[in-house]
Amino acid sequence: NFQVLPSGVHLTMQVSDRFQRSGPQQGGYCYVCFPWIDRRQWHAFSLFENPLNPSQRQIFIAPSGDWTKAVLESCMARNTNRPIW
């Protein structure tokens, strides 16, 4: 799910048991695409394990460039209480 903060967008997602067993224990990285921003742009972000739930990973997107600022502005204008996958 999305959580919009003044400092950026916080994403939380469930990961599979396989990912938990085979992936890095404390994080890793993933590529993110928001088609409503640009279908052709994928951006790499660090994954962080949720300390309260090891089956979840989190991403924080700070508005530091054009694409990340567009993500924040878009999420502020949308209903962001929805799942991501």
N, C-alpha and C. Protein backbone atom coordinates (compact mmCIF):
# COMPACT_ATOMS: atom_id res chain seq x y z
N ASN A 1 0.83 -1.19 0.00
CA ASN A 1 0.00 0.00 0.00
C ASN A 1 0.88 1.25 0.00
N PHE A 2 0.28 2.35 -0.32
CA PHE A 2 0.97 3.63 -0.39
C PHE A 2 0.66 4.43 0.87
N GLN A 3 1.65 5.14 1.33
CA GLN A 3 1.42 6.12 2.39
C GLN A 3 2.11 7.40 1.94
N VAL A 4 1.34 8.45 1.75
CA VAL A 4 1.89 9.72 1.29
C VAL A 4 2.27 10.56 2.50
N LEU A 5 3.53 10.97 2.52
CA LEU A 5 4.05 11.81 3.59
C LEU A 5 4.54 13.11 2.97
N PRO A 6 4.67 14.17 3.74
CA PRO A 6 5.21 15.41 3.18
C PRO A 6 6.61 15.24 2.58
N SER A 7 7.36 14.27 3.12
CA SER A 7 8.73 14.07 2.66
C SER A 7 8.87 13.04 1.55
N GLY A 8 7.77 12.40 1.13
CA GLY A 8 7.85 11.42 0.06
C GLY A 8 6.74 10.39 0.14
N VAL A 9 6.93 9.31 -0.60
CA VAL A 9 5.94 8.23 -0.66
C VAL A 9 6.56 6.98 -0.07
N HIS A 10 5.83 6.36 0.84
CA HIS A 10 6.27 5.15 1.52
C HIS A 10 5.41 4.00 1.00
N LEU A 11 6.05 2.98 0.41
CA LEU A 11 5.34 1.82 -0.11
C LEU A 11 5.65 0.62 0.76
N THR A 12 4.62 -0.17 1.05
CA THR A 12 4.79 -1.40 1.80
C THR A 12 4.15 -2.52 1.00
N MET A 13 4.86 -3.64 0.87
CA MET A 13 4.33 -4.76 0.09
C MET A 13 4.68 -6.08 0.75
N GLN A 14 3.80 -7.05 0.56
CA GLN A 14 4.07 -8.41 1.02
C GLN A 14 5.06 -9.05 0.06
N VAL A 15 5.91 -9.92 0.57
CA VAL A 15 6.80 -10.70 -0.27
C VAL A 15 6.55 -12.17 0.01
N SER A 16 6.88 -12.99 -0.96
CA SER A 16 6.63 -14.43 -0.85
C SER A 16 7.59 -15.08 0.15
N ASP A 17 7.21 -16.27 0.57
CA ASP A 17 8.09 -17.06 1.44
C ASP A 17 9.41 -17.34 0.72
N ARG A 18 9.32 -17.63 -0.58
CA ARG A 18 10.53 -17.90 -1.36
C ARG A 18 11.46 -16.69 -1.35
N PHE A 19 10.89 -15.50 -1.54
CA PHE A 19 11.71 -14.28 -1.52
C PHE A 19 12.39 -14.12 -0.16
N GLN A 20 11.63 -14.38 0.89
CA GLN A 20 12.19 -14.25 2.23
C GLN A 20 13.33 -15.23 2.47
N ARG A 21 13.22 -16.45 1.91
CA ARG A 21 14.26 -17.46 2.10
C ARG A 21 15.48 -17.21 1.21
N SER A 22 15.25 -16.76 -0.02
CA SER A 22 16.35 -16.68 -0.98
C SER A 22 16.93 -15.28 -1.13
N GLY A 23 16.16 -14.27 -0.77
CA GLY A 23 16.63 -12.91 -0.94
C GLY A 23 17.48 -12.45 0.22
N PRO A 24 18.05 -11.27 0.09
CA PRO A 24 18.81 -10.70 1.21
C PRO A 24 17.91 -10.56 2.44
N GLN A 25 18.44 -10.88 3.58
CA GLN A 25 17.63 -10.88 4.79
C GLN A 25 17.14 -9.49 5.19
N GLN A 26 17.91 -8.47 4.93
CA GLN A 26 17.54 -7.14 5.39
C GLN A 26 17.05 -6.22 4.28
N GLY A 27 16.97 -6.68 3.05
CA GLY A 27 16.52 -5.74 2.03
C GLY A 27 16.70 -6.25 0.63
N GLY A 28 17.52 -5.54 -0.14
CA GLY A 28 17.68 -5.83 -1.55
C GLY A 28 17.27 -4.58 -2.33
N TYR A 29 16.85 -4.79 -3.57
CA TYR A 29 16.37 -3.67 -4.37
C TYR A 29 15.30 -4.16 -5.32
N CYS A 30 14.55 -3.26 -5.87
CA CYS A 30 13.54 -3.59 -6.86
C CYS A 30 13.40 -2.42 -7.82
N TYR A 31 12.82 -2.70 -8.97
CA TYR A 31 12.53 -1.66 -9.95
C TYR A 31 11.05 -1.32 -9.86
N VAL A 32 10.74 -0.04 -9.93
CA VAL A 32 9.37 0.44 -9.80
C VAL A 32 8.99 1.22 -11.04
N CYS A 33 7.79 0.95 -11.53
CA CYS A 33 7.22 1.70 -12.65
C CYS A 33 5.81 2.14 -12.25
N PHE A 34 5.52 3.40 -12.42
CA PHE A 34 4.16 3.90 -12.25
C PHE A 34 3.66 4.29 -13.64
N PRO A 35 2.83 3.45 -14.27
CA PRO A 35 2.42 3.72 -15.65
C PRO A 35 1.70 5.05 -15.83
N TRP A 36 1.07 5.56 -14.79
CA TRP A 36 0.39 6.84 -14.93
C TRP A 36 1.38 8.01 -14.94
N ILE A 37 2.64 7.74 -14.57
CA ILE A 37 3.69 8.75 -14.69
C ILE A 37 4.38 8.58 -16.05
N ASP A 38 4.91 7.38 -16.31
CA ASP A 38 5.55 7.07 -17.59
C ASP A 38 5.70 5.56 -17.70
N ARG A 39 5.07 4.97 -18.69
CA ARG A 39 5.11 3.51 -18.86
C ARG A 39 6.50 2.98 -19.17
N ARG A 40 7.36 3.81 -19.67
CA ARG A 40 8.68 3.36 -20.10
C ARG A 40 9.77 3.56 -19.05
N GLN A 41 9.45 4.20 -17.95
CA GLN A 41 10.49 4.48 -16.95
C GLN A 41 10.36 3.54 -15.76
N TRP A 42 11.46 2.87 -15.48
CA TRP A 42 11.59 2.00 -14.32
C TRP A 42 12.74 2.56 -13.48
N HIS A 43 12.53 2.66 -12.18
CA HIS A 43 13.55 3.22 -11.30
C HIS A 43 13.86 2.24 -10.18
N ALA A 44 15.14 2.10 -9.87
CA ALA A 44 15.59 1.17 -8.83
C ALA A 44 15.49 1.84 -7.46
N PHE A 45 15.00 1.07 -6.49
CA PHE A 45 14.90 1.55 -5.11
C PHE A 45 15.33 0.44 -4.17
N SER A 46 15.91 0.84 -3.07
CA SER A 46 16.30 -0.11 -2.03
C SER A 46 15.07 -0.61 -1.30
N LEU A 47 15.08 -1.90 -0.98
CA LEU A 47 14.03 -2.50 -0.17
C LEU A 47 14.51 -2.60 1.26
N PHE A 48 13.62 -2.34 2.18
CA PHE A 48 13.93 -2.46 3.60
C PHE A 48 12.93 -3.40 4.24
N GLU A 49 13.42 -4.28 5.07
CA GLU A 49 12.52 -5.19 5.78
C GLU A 49 11.74 -4.41 6.82
N ASN A 50 10.44 -4.68 6.90
CA ASN A 50 9.61 -4.07 7.93
C ASN A 50 10.01 -4.72 9.26
N PRO A 51 10.50 -3.95 10.21
CA PRO A 51 10.95 -4.55 11.48
C PRO A 51 9.82 -5.19 12.27
N LEU A 52 8.58 -4.80 12.00
CA LEU A 52 7.45 -5.38 12.72
C LEU A 52 6.84 -6.58 12.01
N ASN A 53 7.19 -6.76 10.71
CA ASN A 53 6.62 -7.86 9.93
C ASN A 53 7.64 -8.30 8.88
N PRO A 54 8.38 -9.38 9.13
CA PRO A 54 9.43 -9.80 8.20
C PRO A 54 8.92 -10.24 6.83
N SER A 55 7.61 -10.44 6.68
CA SER A 55 7.06 -10.83 5.37
C SER A 55 6.76 -9.60 4.52
N GLN A 56 7.12 -8.43 4.98
CA GLN A 56 6.89 -7.20 4.22
C GLN A 56 8.21 -6.50 3.92
N ARG A 57 8.23 -5.85 2.77
CA ARG A 57 9.35 -4.99 2.41
C ARG A 57 8.80 -3.59 2.17
N GLN A 58 9.65 -2.61 2.38
CA GLN A 58 9.24 -1.22 2.25
C GLN A 58 10.20 -0.47 1.33
N ILE A 59 9.66 0.53 0.68
CA ILE A 59 10.42 1.43 -0.19
C ILE A 59 10.03 2.83 0.21
N PHE A 60 10.99 3.73 0.21
CA PHE A 60 10.68 5.14 0.43
C PHE A 60 11.17 5.92 -0.78
N ILE A 61 10.27 6.70 -1.37
CA ILE A 61 10.59 7.50 -2.55
C ILE A 61 10.57 8.97 -2.15
N ALA A 62 11.75 9.55 -2.06
CA ALA A 62 11.88 10.98 -1.74
C ALA A 62 11.81 11.78 -3.04
N PRO A 63 11.14 12.93 -3.02
CA PRO A 63 11.01 13.74 -4.24
C PRO A 63 12.30 14.51 -4.54
N SER A 64 13.23 13.84 -5.22
CA SER A 64 14.52 14.47 -5.48
C SER A 64 14.76 14.80 -6.95
N GLY A 65 13.97 14.25 -7.84
CA GLY A 65 14.12 14.52 -9.28
C GLY A 65 12.76 14.69 -9.92
N ASP A 66 12.74 14.89 -11.22
CA ASP A 66 11.47 15.11 -11.92
C ASP A 66 10.50 13.95 -11.74
N TRP A 67 10.99 12.71 -11.94
CA TRP A 67 10.12 11.55 -11.87
C TRP A 67 9.61 11.34 -10.44
N THR A 68 10.49 11.42 -9.45
CA THR A 68 10.07 11.19 -8.07
C THR A 68 9.15 12.31 -7.57
N LYS A 69 9.36 13.53 -8.04
CA LYS A 69 8.43 14.62 -7.69
C LYS A 69 7.07 14.38 -8.32
N ALA A 70 7.05 13.86 -9.55
CA ALA A 70 5.77 13.54 -10.21
C ALA A 70 5.04 12.42 -9.47
N VAL A 71 5.80 11.45 -8.95
CA VAL A 71 5.19 10.37 -8.17
C VAL A 71 4.51 10.94 -6.93
N LEU A 72 5.22 11.78 -6.19
CA LEU A 72 4.65 12.37 -4.98
C LEU A 72 3.41 13.20 -5.31
N GLU A 73 3.50 14.07 -6.30
CA GLU A 73 2.36 14.92 -6.67
C GLU A 73 1.16 14.07 -7.11
N SER A 74 1.43 13.02 -7.88
CA SER A 74 0.35 12.15 -8.35
C SER A 74 -0.31 11.40 -7.20
N CYS A 75 0.50 10.89 -6.28
CA CYS A 75 -0.04 10.15 -5.14
C CYS A 75 -0.82 11.07 -4.20
N MET A 76 -0.40 12.32 -4.09
CA MET A 76 -1.13 13.27 -3.24
C MET A 76 -2.52 13.56 -3.83
N ALA A 77 -2.65 13.47 -5.15
CA ALA A 77 -3.90 13.79 -5.81
C ALA A 77 -4.82 12.58 -5.97
N ARG A 78 -4.34 11.38 -5.65
CA ARG A 78 -5.11 10.16 -5.86
C ARG A 78 -5.51 9.52 -4.53
N ASN A 79 -6.47 8.60 -4.63
CA ASN A 79 -6.78 7.73 -3.50
C ASN A 79 -5.65 6.70 -3.44
N THR A 80 -4.79 6.80 -2.47
CA THR A 80 -3.63 5.93 -2.42
C THR A 80 -3.81 4.75 -1.48
N ASN A 81 -5.03 4.51 -1.05
CA ASN A 81 -5.30 3.37 -0.20
C ASN A 81 -5.68 2.18 -1.09
N ARG A 82 -4.66 1.61 -1.72
CA ARG A 82 -4.89 0.48 -2.62
C ARG A 82 -3.66 -0.41 -2.62
N PRO A 83 -3.84 -1.66 -3.00
CA PRO A 83 -2.68 -2.56 -3.02
C PRO A 83 -1.77 -2.27 -4.20
N ILE A 84 -0.52 -2.67 -4.08
CA ILE A 84 0.43 -2.58 -5.19
C ILE A 84 0.94 -3.97 -5.49
N TRP A 85 1.25 -4.24 -6.71
CA TRP A 85 1.88 -5.50 -7.11
C TRP A 85 2.50 -5.34 -8.46
